[in-house]
Amino acid sequence: MVTDHYRGGHSVLGILNDGSNKVLVMLPKSENDVVTKFSKGDTVEANAIIVSWSSGLKIAKMAGTDARKV
């Protein structure tokens, strides 16, 4: 279960390096200023853990911190 730490924060949708799986990384509200500067096509790194997985959609929902553009 994801804590209230992520309530009000933005999420970033992307693909892993090999392109076979999608990820949705939830980030805390304190990182909204950083996230709003990301653009489609940016390469982004974050510290994150998987909180759920959808095998049908092949998407991992992750709780993350320290998102940054590479």
C-alpha atoms as a PDB file:
ATOM      1  CA  MET A   1       0.000   0.000   0.000  1.00  0.00           C
ATOM      2  CA  VAL A   2       1.294   3.435  -0.883  1.00  0.00           C
ATOM      3  CA  THR A   3       1.443   5.946   1.953  1.00  0.00           C
ATOM      4  CA  ASP A   4       0.069   9.484   2.070  1.00  0.00           C
ATOM      5  CA  HIS A   5       3.648  10.586   1.351  1.00  0.00           C
ATOM      6  CA  TYR A   6       2.751  10.473  -2.366  1.00  0.00           C
ATOM      7  CA  ARG A   7      -0.661  12.194  -2.092  1.00  0.00           C
ATOM      8  CA  GLY A   8      -0.684  15.353  -4.226  1.00  0.00           C
ATOM      9  CA  GLY A   9       2.479  14.327  -6.050  1.00  0.00           C
ATOM     10  CA  HIS A  10       2.861  13.775  -9.781  1.00  0.00           C
ATOM     11  CA  SER A  11       3.583  10.477 -11.520  1.00  0.00           C
ATOM     12  CA  VAL A  12       5.850   9.774 -14.477  1.00  0.00           C
ATOM     13  CA  LEU A  13       4.898   7.155 -17.080  1.00  0.00           C
ATOM     14  CA  GLY A  14       7.707   5.607 -19.070  1.00  0.00           C
ATOM     15  CA  ILE A  15       9.332   2.489 -20.460  1.00  0.00           C
ATOM     16  CA  LEU A  16      12.293   0.522 -19.180  1.00  0.00           C
ATOM     17  CA  ASN A  17      15.550   0.492 -21.120  1.00  0.00           C
ATOM     18  CA  ASP A  18      14.638  -2.479 -23.317  1.00  0.00           C
ATOM     19  CA  GLY A  19      11.150  -1.124 -24.056  1.00  0.00           C
ATOM     20  CA  SER A  20       9.294  -4.317 -23.129  1.00  0.00           C
ATOM     21  CA  ASN A  21       7.709  -3.045 -19.906  1.00  0.00           C
ATOM     22  CA  LYS A  22       6.082   0.191 -18.825  1.00  0.00           C
ATOM     23  CA  VAL A  23       6.544   1.861 -15.451  1.00  0.00           C
ATOM     24  CA  LEU A  24       4.467   4.385 -13.571  1.00  0.00           C
ATOM     25  CA  VAL A  25       6.590   6.074 -10.923  1.00  0.00           C
ATOM     26  CA  MET A  26       4.669   7.975  -8.254  1.00  0.00           C
ATOM     27  CA  LEU A  27       6.650  10.811  -6.719  1.00  0.00           C
ATOM     28  CA  PRO A  28       6.044  12.876  -3.579  1.00  0.00           C
ATOM     29  CA  LYS A  29       4.500  16.347  -3.733  1.00  0.00           C
ATOM     30  CA  SER A  30       7.865  17.819  -2.718  1.00  0.00           C
ATOM     31  CA  GLU A  31       9.216  16.844  -6.172  1.00  0.00           C
ATOM     32  CA  ASN A  32       6.406  18.419  -8.243  1.00  0.00           C
ATOM     33  CA  ASP A  33       8.625  21.352  -9.301  1.00  0.00           C
ATOM     34  CA  VAL A  34      11.199  18.925 -10.725  1.00  0.00           C
ATOM     35  CA  VAL A  35       8.636  16.671 -12.424  1.00  0.00           C
ATOM     36  CA  THR A  36       6.836  19.529 -14.189  1.00  0.00           C
ATOM     37  CA  LYS A  37      10.091  20.333 -16.014  1.00  0.00           C
ATOM     38  CA  PHE A  38      10.227  16.864 -17.621  1.00  0.00           C
ATOM     39  CA  SER A  39       9.204  16.590 -21.280  1.00  0.00           C
ATOM     40  CA  LYS A  40       8.098  13.691 -23.459  1.00  0.00           C
ATOM     41  CA  GLY A  41      11.186  11.810 -24.610  1.00  0.00           C
ATOM     42  CA  ASP A  42      13.358  12.757 -21.624  1.00  0.00           C
ATOM     43  CA  THR A  43      15.413  10.050 -19.961  1.00  0.00           C
ATOM     44  CA  VAL A  44      14.650  10.093 -16.253  1.00  0.00           C
ATOM     45  CA  GLU A  45      16.184   8.224 -13.322  1.00  0.00           C
ATOM     46  CA  ALA A  46      14.689   7.801  -9.851  1.00  0.00           C
ATOM     47  CA  ASN A  47      15.103   5.653  -6.780  1.00  0.00           C
ATOM     48  CA  ALA A  48      11.991   3.459  -6.704  1.00  0.00           C
ATOM     49  CA  ILE A  49      10.465   0.220  -5.509  1.00  0.00           C
ATOM     50  CA  ILE A  50       7.696  -1.789  -7.162  1.00  0.00           C
ATOM     51  CA  VAL A  51       4.399  -1.607  -5.262  1.00  0.00           C
ATOM     52  CA  SER A  52       2.280  -3.501  -7.802  1.00  0.00           C
ATOM     53  CA  TRP A  53       2.549  -5.256 -11.149  1.00  0.00           C
ATOM     54  CA  SER A  54      -0.014  -5.782 -13.928  1.00  0.00           C
ATOM     55  CA  SER A  55       1.013  -8.757 -16.033  1.00  0.00           C
ATOM     56  CA  GLY A  56      -1.759  -8.085 -18.563  1.00  0.00           C
ATOM     57  CA  LEU A  57      -0.686  -4.483 -19.165  1.00  0.00           C
ATOM     58  CA  LYS A  58       2.989  -5.207 -18.447  1.00  0.00           C
ATOM     59  CA  ILE A  59       3.230  -2.134 -16.228  1.00  0.00           C
ATOM     60  CA  ALA A  60       4.920  -1.764 -12.859  1.00  0.00           C
ATOM     61  CA  LYS A  61       3.541   0.802 -10.431  1.00  0.00           C
ATOM     62  CA  MET A  62       6.414   2.165  -8.376  1.00  0.00           C
ATOM     63  CA  ALA A  63       6.892   4.473  -5.398  1.00  0.00           C
ATOM     64  CA  GLY A  64       9.865   6.713  -6.085  1.00  0.00           C
ATOM     65  CA  THR A  65      12.021   9.583  -4.865  1.00  0.00           C
ATOM     66  CA  ASP A  66      14.881  11.703  -6.178  1.00  0.00           C
ATOM     67  CA  ALA A  67      13.688  11.878  -9.798  1.00  0.00           C
ATOM     68  CA  ARG A  68      16.164  13.547 -12.131  1.00  0.00           C
ATOM     69  CA  LYS A  69      16.618  14.084 -15.849  1.00  0.00           C
ATOM     70  CA  VAL A  70      19.702  12.360 -17.286  1.00  0.00           C
END
